[in-house]
Amino acid sequence: MGNKTLKPAIGEEVLIPAGVDHTVQTSSTTGSRWYYGYKVRR
């Protein structure tokens, strides 16, 4: 996010606010799990 590089530990979460440019990748050689949540405007 921005010019930051985040390396969360196992079990940690990262919140990426809506509208923020970002790139994500895993550094694990054994894979990873990604969970997404979106807020829907009504």
N, C-alpha and C. Protein backbone atom coordinates (compact mmCIF):
# COMPACT_ATOMS: atom_id res chain seq x y z
N MET A 1 0.86 -1.16 0.00
CA MET A 1 0.00 0.00 0.00
C MET A 1 0.90 1.22 0.00
N GLY A 2 0.76 1.99 -1.01
CA GLY A 2 1.68 3.11 -1.14
C GLY A 2 3.07 2.56 -1.39
N ASN A 3 4.04 3.05 -0.66
CA ASN A 3 5.42 2.56 -0.79
C ASN A 3 5.79 1.60 0.33
N LYS A 4 4.81 1.08 1.06
CA LYS A 4 5.07 0.19 2.19
C LYS A 4 5.16 -1.26 1.73
N THR A 5 6.05 -2.01 2.35
CA THR A 5 6.11 -3.46 2.17
C THR A 5 5.76 -4.08 3.51
N LEU A 6 4.70 -4.87 3.53
CA LEU A 6 4.25 -5.52 4.75
C LEU A 6 4.55 -7.01 4.67
N LYS A 7 5.03 -7.58 5.76
CA LYS A 7 5.29 -9.02 5.82
C LYS A 7 4.63 -9.57 7.08
N PRO A 8 3.32 -9.80 7.03
CA PRO A 8 2.61 -10.28 8.22
C PRO A 8 3.05 -11.70 8.59
N ALA A 9 3.05 -11.96 9.88
CA ALA A 9 3.37 -13.29 10.38
C ALA A 9 2.17 -14.22 10.17
N ILE A 10 2.40 -15.50 10.29
CA ILE A 10 1.33 -16.49 10.16
C ILE A 10 0.21 -16.13 11.13
N GLY A 11 -1.01 -16.08 10.63
CA GLY A 11 -2.17 -15.77 11.46
C GLY A 11 -2.51 -14.30 11.52
N GLU A 12 -1.63 -13.42 11.08
CA GLU A 12 -1.91 -11.99 11.09
C GLU A 12 -2.77 -11.61 9.89
N GLU A 13 -3.48 -10.52 10.03
CA GLU A 13 -4.34 -10.01 8.96
C GLU A 13 -3.84 -8.65 8.50
N VAL A 14 -4.13 -8.33 7.26
CA VAL A 14 -3.81 -7.02 6.71
C VAL A 14 -5.09 -6.43 6.13
N LEU A 15 -5.44 -5.23 6.54
CA LEU A 15 -6.61 -4.54 6.01
C LEU A 15 -6.15 -3.58 4.93
N ILE A 16 -6.69 -3.74 3.75
CA ILE A 16 -6.40 -2.82 2.65
C ILE A 16 -7.67 -2.02 2.40
N PRO A 17 -7.67 -0.74 2.76
CA PRO A 17 -8.88 0.07 2.61
C PRO A 17 -9.31 0.19 1.15
N ALA A 18 -10.60 0.37 0.95
CA ALA A 18 -11.15 0.53 -0.40
C ALA A 18 -10.48 1.70 -1.10
N GLY A 19 -10.18 1.52 -2.38
CA GLY A 19 -9.62 2.59 -3.18
C GLY A 19 -8.12 2.75 -3.10
N VAL A 20 -7.45 1.95 -2.27
CA VAL A 20 -6.00 2.05 -2.12
C VAL A 20 -5.32 1.13 -3.14
N ASP A 21 -4.43 1.69 -3.95
CA ASP A 21 -3.67 0.86 -4.89
C ASP A 21 -2.77 -0.08 -4.11
N HIS A 22 -2.69 -1.33 -4.56
CA HIS A 22 -1.87 -2.31 -3.86
C HIS A 22 -1.52 -3.49 -4.76
N THR A 23 -0.51 -4.20 -4.37
CA THR A 23 -0.09 -5.44 -5.02
C THR A 23 0.17 -6.44 -3.92
N VAL A 24 -0.20 -7.70 -4.14
CA VAL A 24 0.05 -8.73 -3.13
C VAL A 24 0.72 -9.93 -3.77
N GLN A 25 1.55 -10.60 -2.99
CA GLN A 25 2.15 -11.85 -3.43
C GLN A 25 2.55 -12.65 -2.20
N THR A 26 2.64 -13.95 -2.36
CA THR A 26 3.06 -14.80 -1.25
C THR A 26 4.55 -15.10 -1.39
N SER A 27 5.23 -15.18 -0.26
CA SER A 27 6.64 -15.55 -0.27
C SER A 27 6.81 -16.99 0.20
N SER A 28 5.71 -17.68 0.44
CA SER A 28 5.73 -19.06 0.92
C SER A 28 6.04 -20.02 -0.21
N THR A 29 6.81 -21.04 0.09
CA THR A 29 7.07 -22.09 -0.91
C THR A 29 6.05 -23.21 -0.79
N THR A 30 5.21 -23.16 0.25
CA THR A 30 4.21 -24.21 0.47
C THR A 30 2.79 -23.74 0.19
N GLY A 31 2.63 -22.52 -0.30
CA GLY A 31 1.30 -22.00 -0.61
C GLY A 31 0.76 -21.13 0.50
N SER A 32 -0.40 -20.58 0.26
CA SER A 32 -1.04 -19.71 1.23
C SER A 32 -2.54 -19.71 0.99
N ARG A 33 -3.28 -19.14 1.93
CA ARG A 33 -4.73 -19.00 1.81
C ARG A 33 -5.07 -17.52 1.90
N TRP A 34 -5.94 -17.09 1.01
CA TRP A 34 -6.35 -15.70 0.97
C TRP A 34 -7.85 -15.63 1.22
N TYR A 35 -8.25 -14.75 2.10
CA TYR A 35 -9.67 -14.53 2.38
C TYR A 35 -10.00 -13.08 2.07
N TYR A 36 -11.06 -12.89 1.32
CA TYR A 36 -11.46 -11.54 0.92
C TYR A 36 -12.82 -11.22 1.51
N GLY A 37 -13.00 -9.97 1.86
CA GLY A 37 -14.30 -9.50 2.31
C GLY A 37 -14.57 -8.14 1.67
N TYR A 38 -15.79 -7.95 1.23
CA TYR A 38 -16.15 -6.70 0.58
C TYR A 38 -17.41 -6.14 1.22
N LYS A 39 -17.41 -4.84 1.42
CA LYS A 39 -18.60 -4.17 1.94
C LYS A 39 -19.42 -3.69 0.75
N VAL A 40 -20.69 -4.06 0.73
CA VAL A 40 -21.57 -3.70 -0.37
C VAL A 40 -22.40 -2.49 0.03
N ARG A 41 -22.38 -1.47 -0.81
CA ARG A 41 -23.20 -0.28 -0.54
C ARG A 41 -24.61 -0.54 -1.03
N ARG A 42 -25.59 -0.15 -0.23
CA ARG A 42 -27.00 -0.32 -0.62
C ARG A 42 -27.73 0.98 -0.57
